[in-house]
Protein backbone atom coordinates (compact mmCIF):
# COMPACT_ATOMS: atom_id res chain seq x y z
CA UNK A 1 0.00 0.00 0.00
CA UNK A 2 1.40 3.37 -0.97
CA UNK A 3 1.67 6.11 1.59
CA UNK A 4 1.84 9.89 1.37
CA UNK A 5 4.48 11.62 3.48
CA UNK A 6 3.07 14.82 4.97
CA UNK A 7 6.37 16.59 5.48
CA UNK A 8 6.85 15.95 9.19
CA UNK A 9 9.01 13.24 10.72
CA UNK A 10 6.98 10.08 11.24
CA UNK A 11 3.82 11.51 9.69
CA UNK A 12 2.66 9.61 6.64
CA UNK A 13 -0.70 8.25 5.62
CA UNK A 14 -1.93 5.48 3.31
CA UNK A 15 -3.42 7.02 0.18
CA UNK A 16 -6.61 4.99 0.56
CA UNK A 17 -7.37 6.70 3.90
CA UNK A 18 -7.46 10.20 2.39
CA UNK A 19 -10.80 11.82 1.57
CA UNK A 20 -9.70 15.45 1.08
CA UNK A 21 -6.67 17.69 0.85
CA UNK A 22 -7.35 21.25 2.00
CA UNK A 23 -5.40 24.47 1.87
CA UNK A 24 -4.33 25.36 5.41
CA UNK A 25 -6.33 28.06 7.16
CA UNK A 26 -5.99 29.06 10.84
CA UNK A 27 -9.68 28.14 11.27
CA UNK A 28 -8.55 24.48 11.01
CA UNK A 29 -6.16 24.75 13.99
CA UNK A 30 -8.70 23.27 16.43
CA UNK A 31 -9.27 20.22 14.24
CA UNK A 32 -5.52 19.73 13.71
CA UNK A 33 -4.79 20.03 17.44
CA UNK A 34 -7.53 17.51 18.31
CA UNK A 35 -6.07 14.99 15.88
CA UNK A 36 -2.33 15.64 16.07
CA UNK A 37 -2.04 17.17 19.54
CA UNK A 38 -0.69 20.49 18.30
CA UNK A 39 -0.32 22.65 15.23
CA UNK A 40 3.31 22.28 14.13
CA UNK A 41 5.22 25.14 12.49
CA UNK A 42 5.16 25.43 8.72
CA UNK A 43 1.72 23.91 8.03
CA UNK A 44 0.75 24.60 4.40
CA UNK A 45 -2.09 22.12 3.88
CA UNK A 46 -4.34 19.71 5.77
CA UNK A 47 -5.19 16.11 4.90
CA UNK A 48 -8.57 14.77 6.02
CA UNK A 49 -8.92 11.03 6.57
CA UNK A 50 -11.86 8.64 6.29
CA UNK A 51 -11.88 8.52 10.11
CA UNK A 52 -12.37 12.31 10.27
CA UNK A 53 -8.82 13.13 11.35
CA UNK A 54 -7.26 16.43 10.23
CA UNK A 55 -3.51 15.99 9.79
CA UNK A 56 -1.06 18.83 9.13
CA UNK A 57 1.15 18.79 6.06
CA UNK A 58 4.18 20.90 5.33
CA UNK A 59 3.89 20.29 1.59
CA UNK A 60 1.87 22.64 -0.65
CA UNK A 61 -1.73 21.60 -1.32
CA UNK A 62 -1.03 21.36 -5.07
CA UNK A 63 1.77 18.83 -4.53
CA UNK A 64 -0.35 16.66 -2.24
CA UNK A 65 -3.33 16.74 -4.60
CA UNK A 66 -1.10 15.85 -7.56
CA UNK A 67 0.38 12.84 -5.72
CA UNK A 68 -3.03 11.68 -4.46
CA UNK A 69 -4.55 12.02 -7.95
CA UNK A 70 -1.69 9.99 -9.44
CA UNK A 71 -2.30 7.20 -6.95
CA UNK A 72 -6.04 7.19 -7.72
CA UNK A 73 -5.37 7.04 -11.48
CA UNK A 74 -3.06 4.05 -11.17
CA UNK A 75 -4.94 2.23 -8.45
CA UNK A 76 -3.75 0.82 -5.16
PDB file of N, CA and C in Angstrom:
ATOM      1  N   UNK A   1       0.847  -1.171   0.000  1.00  0.00           N
ATOM      2  CA  UNK A   1       0.000   0.000   0.000  1.00  0.00           C
ATOM      3  C   UNK A   1       0.897   1.240   0.000  1.00  0.00           C
ATOM      4  N   UNK A   2       0.613   2.143  -0.875  1.00  0.00           N
ATOM      5  CA  UNK A   2       1.400   3.368  -0.966  1.00  0.00           C
ATOM      6  C   UNK A   2       0.980   4.366   0.101  1.00  0.00           C
ATOM      7  N   UNK A   3       1.952   5.098   0.594  1.00  0.00           N
ATOM      8  CA  UNK A   3       1.665   6.115   1.594  1.00  0.00           C
ATOM      9  C   UNK A   3       2.120   7.485   1.108  1.00  0.00           C
ATOM     10  N   UNK A   4       1.512   8.501   1.678  1.00  0.00           N
ATOM     11  CA  UNK A   4       1.841   9.887   1.368  1.00  0.00           C
ATOM     12  C   UNK A   4       2.524  10.488   2.580  1.00  0.00           C
ATOM     13  N   UNK A   5       3.755  10.964   2.394  1.00  0.00           N
ATOM     14  CA  UNK A   5       4.478  11.618   3.476  1.00  0.00           C
ATOM     15  C   UNK A   5       3.994  13.054   3.568  1.00  0.00           C
ATOM     16  N   UNK A   6       3.670  13.501   4.783  1.00  0.00           N
ATOM     17  CA  UNK A   6       3.074  14.819   4.971  1.00  0.00           C
ATOM     18  C   UNK A   6       4.086  15.902   5.323  1.00  0.00           C
ATOM     19  N   UNK A   7       5.351  15.576   5.291  1.00  0.00           N
ATOM     20  CA  UNK A   7       6.369  16.591   5.481  1.00  0.00           C
ATOM     21  C   UNK A   7       6.874  16.744   6.897  1.00  0.00           C
ATOM     22  N   UNK A   8       6.375  15.938   7.800  1.00  0.00           N
ATOM     23  CA  UNK A   8       6.848  15.950   9.189  1.00  0.00           C
ATOM     24  C   UNK A   8       7.357  14.561   9.534  1.00  0.00           C
ATOM     25  N   UNK A   9       8.403  14.511  10.352  1.00  0.00           N
ATOM     26  CA  UNK A   9       9.011  13.236  10.722  1.00  0.00           C
ATOM     27  C   UNK A   9       7.976  12.289  11.320  1.00  0.00           C
ATOM     28  N   UNK A  10       7.884  11.104  10.735  1.00  0.00           N
ATOM     29  CA  UNK A  10       6.977  10.083  11.240  1.00  0.00           C
ATOM     30  C   UNK A  10       5.519  10.277  10.873  1.00  0.00           C
ATOM     31  N   UNK A  11       5.221  11.250  10.040  1.00  0.00           N
ATOM     32  CA  UNK A  11       3.820  11.506   9.692  1.00  0.00           C
ATOM     33  C   UNK A  11       3.589  11.196   8.217  1.00  0.00           C
ATOM     34  N   UNK A  12       3.070  10.001   7.984  1.00  0.00           N
ATOM     35  CA  UNK A  12       2.663   9.613   6.638  1.00  0.00           C
ATOM     36  C   UNK A  12       1.326   8.899   6.753  1.00  0.00           C
ATOM     37  N   UNK A  13       0.671   8.744   5.619  1.00  0.00           N
ATOM     38  CA  UNK A  13      -0.696   8.254   5.617  1.00  0.00           C
ATOM     39  C   UNK A  13      -0.936   7.413   4.377  1.00  0.00           C
ATOM     40  N   UNK A  14      -1.580   6.259   4.502  1.00  0.00           N
ATOM     41  CA  UNK A  14      -1.929   5.478   3.314  1.00  0.00           C
ATOM     42  C   UNK A  14      -2.867   6.291   2.413  1.00  0.00           C
ATOM     43  N   UNK A  15      -2.597   6.272   1.130  1.00  0.00           N
ATOM     44  CA  UNK A  15      -3.420   7.021   0.179  1.00  0.00           C
ATOM     45  C   UNK A  15      -4.899   6.677   0.293  1.00  0.00           C
ATOM     46  N   UNK A  16      -5.208   5.399   0.543  1.00  0.00           N
ATOM     47  CA  UNK A  16      -6.605   4.993   0.561  1.00  0.00           C
ATOM     48  C   UNK A  16      -7.371   5.471   1.803  1.00  0.00           C
ATOM     49  N   UNK A  17      -6.698   6.132   2.726  1.00  0.00           N
ATOM     50  CA  UNK A  17      -7.371   6.697   3.898  1.00  0.00           C
ATOM     51  C   UNK A  17      -7.695   8.186   3.728  1.00  0.00           C
ATOM     52  N   UNK A  18      -7.268   8.775   2.629  1.00  0.00           N
ATOM     53  CA  UNK A  18      -7.462  10.204   2.391  1.00  0.00           C
ATOM     54  C   UNK A  18      -8.823  10.439   1.730  1.00  0.00           C
ATOM     55  N   UNK A  19      -9.565  11.426   2.245  1.00  0.00           N
ATOM     56  CA  UNK A  19     -10.804  11.818   1.572  1.00  0.00           C
ATOM     57  C   UNK A  19     -10.746  13.243   1.040  1.00  0.00           C
ATOM     58  N   UNK A  20      -9.811  14.069   1.565  1.00  0.00           N
ATOM     59  CA  UNK A  20      -9.696  15.445   1.079  1.00  0.00           C
ATOM     60  C   UNK A  20      -8.325  16.003   1.422  1.00  0.00           C
ATOM     61  N   UNK A  21      -7.879  16.927   0.584  1.00  0.00           N
ATOM     62  CA  UNK A  21      -6.667  17.691   0.846  1.00  0.00           C
ATOM     63  C   UNK A  21      -7.067  19.155   0.771  1.00  0.00           C
ATOM     64  N   UNK A  22      -6.897  19.862   1.888  1.00  0.00           N
ATOM     65  CA  UNK A  22      -7.345  21.246   2.001  1.00  0.00           C
ATOM     66  C   UNK A  22      -6.166  22.204   2.108  1.00  0.00           C
ATOM     67  N   UNK A  23      -6.380  23.420   1.641  1.00  0.00           N
ATOM     68  CA  UNK A  23      -5.400  24.475   1.867  1.00  0.00           C
ATOM     69  C   UNK A  23      -5.486  24.857   3.341  1.00  0.00           C
ATOM     70  N   UNK A  24      -4.345  25.014   3.987  1.00  0.00           N
ATOM     71  CA  UNK A  24      -4.333  25.359   5.410  1.00  0.00           C
ATOM     72  C   UNK A  24      -4.938  26.737   5.649  1.00  0.00           C
ATOM     73  N   UNK A  25      -5.767  26.809   6.665  1.00  0.00           N
ATOM     74  CA  UNK A  25      -6.333  28.060   7.162  1.00  0.00           C
ATOM     75  C   UNK A  25      -6.301  27.973   8.686  1.00  0.00           C
ATOM     76  N   UNK A  26      -6.009  29.083   9.376  1.00  0.00           N
ATOM     77  CA  UNK A  26      -5.985  29.055  10.840  1.00  0.00           C
ATOM     78  C   UNK A  26      -7.286  28.538  11.460  1.00  0.00           C
ATOM     79  N   UNK A  27      -8.403  28.649  10.751  1.00  0.00           N
ATOM     80  CA  UNK A  27      -9.681  28.137  11.268  1.00  0.00           C
ATOM     81  C   UNK A  27      -9.637  26.625  11.481  1.00  0.00           C
ATOM     82  N   UNK A  28      -8.685  25.931  10.866  1.00  0.00           N
ATOM     83  CA  UNK A  28      -8.553  24.478  11.015  1.00  0.00           C
ATOM     84  C   UNK A  28      -7.668  24.078  12.197  1.00  0.00           C
ATOM     85  N   UNK A  29      -7.087  25.052  12.892  1.00  0.00           N
ATOM     86  CA  UNK A  29      -6.165  24.751  13.994  1.00  0.00           C
ATOM     87  C   UNK A  29      -6.790  23.855  15.061  1.00  0.00           C
ATOM     88  N   UNK A  30      -8.036  24.089  15.410  1.00  0.00           N
ATOM     89  CA  UNK A  30      -8.698  23.275  16.433  1.00  0.00           C
ATOM     90  C   UNK A  30      -8.802  21.817  16.013  1.00  0.00           C
ATOM     91  N   UNK A  31      -9.170  21.590  14.757  1.00  0.00           N
ATOM     92  CA  UNK A  31      -9.272  20.215  14.243  1.00  0.00           C
ATOM     93  C   UNK A  31      -7.905  19.532  14.212  1.00  0.00           C
ATOM     94  N   UNK A  32      -6.880  20.284  13.770  1.00  0.00           N
ATOM     95  CA  UNK A  32      -5.523  19.728  13.713  1.00  0.00           C
ATOM     96  C   UNK A  32      -5.045  19.364  15.113  1.00  0.00           C
ATOM     97  N   UNK A  33      -5.239  20.275  16.071  1.00  0.00           N
ATOM     98  CA  UNK A  33      -4.787  20.029  17.439  1.00  0.00           C
ATOM     99  C   UNK A  33      -5.513  18.837  18.061  1.00  0.00           C
ATOM    100  N   UNK A  34      -6.792  18.675  17.777  1.00  0.00           N
ATOM    101  CA  UNK A  34      -7.532  17.514  18.312  1.00  0.00           C
ATOM    102  C   UNK A  34      -6.977  16.207  17.759  1.00  0.00           C
ATOM    103  N   UNK A  35      -6.574  16.210  16.516  1.00  0.00           N
ATOM    104  CA  UNK A  35      -6.065  14.992  15.884  1.00  0.00           C
ATOM    105  C   UNK A  35      -4.590  14.752  16.196  1.00  0.00           C
ATOM    106  N   UNK A  36      -3.788  15.781  16.027  1.00  0.00           N
ATOM    107  CA  UNK A  36      -2.326  15.641  16.067  1.00  0.00           C
ATOM    108  C   UNK A  36      -1.730  16.053  17.421  1.00  0.00           C
ATOM    109  N   UNK A  37      -2.516  16.738  18.230  1.00  0.00           N
ATOM    110  CA  UNK A  37      -2.038  17.172  19.541  1.00  0.00           C
ATOM    111  C   UNK A  37      -1.514  18.593  19.573  1.00  0.00           C
ATOM    112  N   UNK A  38      -1.196  19.113  18.416  1.00  0.00           N
ATOM    113  CA  UNK A  38      -0.686  20.489  18.305  1.00  0.00           C
ATOM    114  C   UNK A  38      -0.691  20.895  16.835  1.00  0.00           C
ATOM    115  N   UNK A  39      -0.479  22.167  16.605  1.00  0.00           N
ATOM    116  CA  UNK A  39      -0.323  22.651  15.233  1.00  0.00           C
ATOM    117  C   UNK A  39       1.173  22.931  15.054  1.00  0.00           C
ATOM    118  N   UNK A  40       1.866  22.099  14.286  1.00  0.00           N
ATOM    119  CA  UNK A  40       3.313  22.283  14.131  1.00  0.00           C
ATOM    120  C   UNK A  40       3.626  23.498  13.251  1.00  0.00           C
ATOM    121  N   UNK A  41       4.838  24.010  13.343  1.00  0.00           N
ATOM    122  CA  UNK A  41       5.217  25.138  12.490  1.00  0.00           C
ATOM    123  C   UNK A  41       5.289  24.725  11.021  1.00  0.00           C
ATOM    124  N   UNK A  42       5.000  25.654  10.157  1.00  0.00           N
ATOM    125  CA  UNK A  42       5.156  25.425   8.724  1.00  0.00           C
ATOM    126  C   UNK A  42       4.027  24.698   8.041  1.00  0.00           C
ATOM    127  N   UNK A  43       2.852  24.606   8.654  1.00  0.00           N
ATOM    128  CA  UNK A  43       1.721  23.911   8.028  1.00  0.00           C
ATOM    129  C   UNK A  43       1.297  24.682   6.776  1.00  0.00           C
ATOM    130  N   UNK A  44       1.176  23.974   5.657  1.00  0.00           N
ATOM    131  CA  UNK A  44       0.748  24.598   4.404  1.00  0.00           C
ATOM    132  C   UNK A  44      -0.552  24.001   3.879  1.00  0.00           C
ATOM    133  N   UNK A  45      -0.857  22.779   4.319  1.00  0.00           N
ATOM    134  CA  UNK A  45      -2.085  22.123   3.882  1.00  0.00           C
ATOM    135  C   UNK A  45      -2.535  21.145   4.965  1.00  0.00           C
ATOM    136  N   UNK A  46      -3.745  20.618   4.780  1.00  0.00           N
ATOM    137  CA  UNK A  46      -4.335  19.708   5.765  1.00  0.00           C
ATOM    138  C   UNK A  46      -4.927  18.523   5.009  1.00  0.00           C
ATOM    139  N   UNK A  47      -4.649  17.331   5.503  1.00  0.00           N
ATOM    140  CA  UNK A  47      -5.186  16.110   4.902  1.00  0.00           C
ATOM    141  C   UNK A  47      -6.273  15.577   5.828  1.00  0.00           C
ATOM    142  N   UNK A  48      -7.444  15.299   5.256  1.00  0.00           N
ATOM    143  CA  UNK A  48      -8.573  14.775   6.020  1.00  0.00           C
ATOM    144  C   UNK A  48      -8.697  13.288   5.697  1.00  0.00           C
ATOM    145  N   UNK A  49      -8.857  12.478   6.752  1.00  0.00           N
ATOM    146  CA  UNK A  49      -8.919  11.025   6.573  1.00  0.00           C
ATOM    147  C   UNK A  49     -10.356  10.509   6.628  1.00  0.00           C
ATOM    148  N   UNK A  50     -10.531   9.259   6.247  1.00  0.00           N
ATOM    149  CA  UNK A  50     -11.858   8.640   6.294  1.00  0.00           C
ATOM    150  C   UNK A  50     -12.388   8.549   7.716  1.00  0.00           C
ATOM    151  N   UNK A  51     -11.480   8.561   8.703  1.00  0.00           N
ATOM    152  CA  UNK A  51     -11.876   8.517  10.113  1.00  0.00           C
ATOM    153  C   UNK A  51     -12.208   9.906  10.667  1.00  0.00           C
ATOM    154  N   UNK A  52     -12.069  10.947   9.830  1.00  0.00           N
ATOM    155  CA  UNK A  52     -12.373  12.308  10.272  1.00  0.00           C
ATOM    156  C   UNK A  52     -11.210  13.039  10.911  1.00  0.00           C
ATOM    157  N   UNK A  53     -10.004  12.476  10.807  1.00  0.00           N
ATOM    158  CA  UNK A  53      -8.815  13.128  11.348  1.00  0.00           C
ATOM    159  C   UNK A  53      -8.346  14.234  10.409  1.00  0.00           C
ATOM    160  N   UNK A  54      -7.842  15.318  10.985  1.00  0.00           N
ATOM    161  CA  UNK A  54      -7.260  16.433  10.232  1.00  0.00           C
ATOM    162  C   UNK A  54      -5.774  16.454  10.551  1.00  0.00           C
ATOM    163  N   UNK A  55      -4.949  16.086   9.578  1.00  0.00           N
ATOM    164  CA  UNK A  55      -3.514  15.993   9.793  1.00  0.00           C
ATOM    165  C   UNK A  55      -2.789  17.122   9.077  1.00  0.00           C
ATOM    166  N   UNK A  56      -1.798  17.739   9.747  1.00  0.00           N
ATOM    167  CA  UNK A  56      -1.056  18.831   9.135  1.00  0.00           C
ATOM    168  C   UNK A  56      -0.091  18.313   8.085  1.00  0.00           C
ATOM    169  N   UNK A  57       0.154  19.132   7.083  1.00  0.00           N
ATOM    170  CA  UNK A  57       1.147  18.791   6.063  1.00  0.00           C
ATOM    171  C   UNK A  57       1.979  20.025   5.762  1.00  0.00           C
ATOM    172  N   UNK A  58       3.264  19.819   5.649  1.00  0.00           N
ATOM    173  CA  UNK A  58       4.184  20.904   5.330  1.00  0.00           C
ATOM    174  C   UNK A  58       4.252  21.144   3.822  1.00  0.00           C
ATOM    175  N   UNK A  59       3.816  20.173   3.049  1.00  0.00           N
ATOM    176  CA  UNK A  59       3.888  20.287   1.587  1.00  0.00           C
ATOM    177  C   UNK A  59       2.738  21.139   1.067  1.00  0.00           C
ATOM    178  N   UNK A  60       2.943  21.835  -0.062  1.00  0.00           N
ATOM    179  CA  UNK A  60       1.868  22.640  -0.647  1.00  0.00           C
ATOM    180  C   UNK A  60       0.684  21.772  -1.072  1.00  0.00           C
ATOM    181  N   UNK A  61      -0.502  22.326  -0.981  1.00  0.00           N
ATOM    182  CA  UNK A  61      -1.726  21.602  -1.323  1.00  0.00           C
ATOM    183  C   UNK A  61      -1.675  21.061  -2.746  1.00  0.00           C
ATOM    184  N   UNK A  62      -1.098  21.811  -3.674  1.00  0.00           N
ATOM    185  CA  UNK A  62      -1.031  21.363  -5.072  1.00  0.00           C
ATOM    186  C   UNK A  62      -0.197  20.097  -5.213  1.00  0.00           C
ATOM    187  N   UNK A  63       0.899  20.012  -4.478  1.00  0.00           N
ATOM    188  CA  UNK A  63       1.768  18.826  -4.533  1.00  0.00           C
ATOM    189  C   UNK A  63       1.033  17.606  -3.973  1.00  0.00           C
ATOM    190  N   UNK A  64       0.376  17.781  -2.833  1.00  0.00           N
ATOM    191  CA  UNK A  64      -0.349  16.657  -2.235  1.00  0.00           C
ATOM    192  C   UNK A  64      -1.484  16.186  -3.133  1.00  0.00           C
ATOM    193  N   UNK A  65      -2.224  17.124  -3.701  1.00  0.00           N
ATOM    194  CA  UNK A  65      -3.327  16.741  -4.599  1.00  0.00           C
ATOM    195  C   UNK A  65      -2.808  16.027  -5.838  1.00  0.00           C
ATOM    196  N   UNK A  66      -1.681  16.474  -6.368  1.00  0.00           N
ATOM    197  CA  UNK A  66      -1.099  15.853  -7.559  1.00  0.00           C
ATOM    198  C   UNK A  66      -0.692  14.411  -7.252  1.00  0.00           C
ATOM    199  N   UNK A  67      -0.044  14.201  -6.092  1.00  0.00           N
ATOM    200  CA  UNK A  67       0.382  12.839  -5.716  1.00  0.00           C
ATOM    201  C   UNK A  67      -0.817  11.935  -5.452  1.00  0.00           C
ATOM    202  N   UNK A  68      -1.817  12.456  -4.770  1.00  0.00           N
ATOM    203  CA  UNK A  68      -3.028  11.683  -4.463  1.00  0.00           C
ATOM    204  C   UNK A  68      -3.759  11.317  -5.755  1.00  0.00           C
ATOM    205  N   UNK A  69      -3.884  12.275  -6.673  1.00  0.00           N
ATOM    206  CA  UNK A  69      -4.551  12.019  -7.954  1.00  0.00           C
ATOM    207  C   UNK A  69      -3.797  10.960  -8.753  1.00  0.00           C
ATOM    208  N   UNK A  70      -2.469  11.003  -8.743  1.00  0.00           N
ATOM    209  CA  UNK A  70      -1.691   9.994  -9.436  1.00  0.00           C
ATOM    210  C   UNK A  70      -1.923   8.606  -8.881  1.00  0.00           C
ATOM    211  N   UNK A  71      -2.018   8.492  -7.569  1.00  0.00           N
ATOM    212  CA  UNK A  71      -2.304   7.203  -6.946  1.00  0.00           C
ATOM    213  C   UNK A  71      -3.681   6.709  -7.353  1.00  0.00           C
ATOM    214  N   UNK A  72      -4.680   7.610  -7.354  1.00  0.00           N
ATOM    215  CA  UNK A  72      -6.035   7.195  -7.719  1.00  0.00           C
ATOM    216  C   UNK A  72      -6.115   6.763  -9.178  1.00  0.00           C
ATOM    217  N   UNK A  73      -5.370   7.410 -10.057  1.00  0.00           N
ATOM    218  CA  UNK A  73      -5.368   7.040 -11.483  1.00  0.00           C
ATOM    219  C   UNK A  73      -4.790   5.649 -11.706  1.00  0.00           C
ATOM    220  N   UNK A  74      -3.760   5.319 -10.961  1.00  0.00           N
ATOM    221  CA  UNK A  74      -3.063   4.046 -11.175  1.00  0.00           C
ATOM    222  C   UNK A  74      -3.501   2.940 -10.237  1.00  0.00           C
ATOM    223  N   UNK A  75      -4.391   3.256  -9.335  1.00  0.00           N
ATOM    224  CA  UNK A  75      -4.937   2.232  -8.449  1.00  0.00           C
ATOM    225  C   UNK A  75      -3.999   1.871  -7.313  1.00  0.00           C
ATOM    226  N   UNK A  76      -4.550   1.223  -6.324  1.00  0.00           N
ATOM    227  CA  UNK A  76      -3.752   0.824  -5.160  1.00  0.00           C
ATOM    228  C   UNK A  76      -2.772  -0.277  -5.477  1.00  0.00           C
TER     229      UNK A  76
END
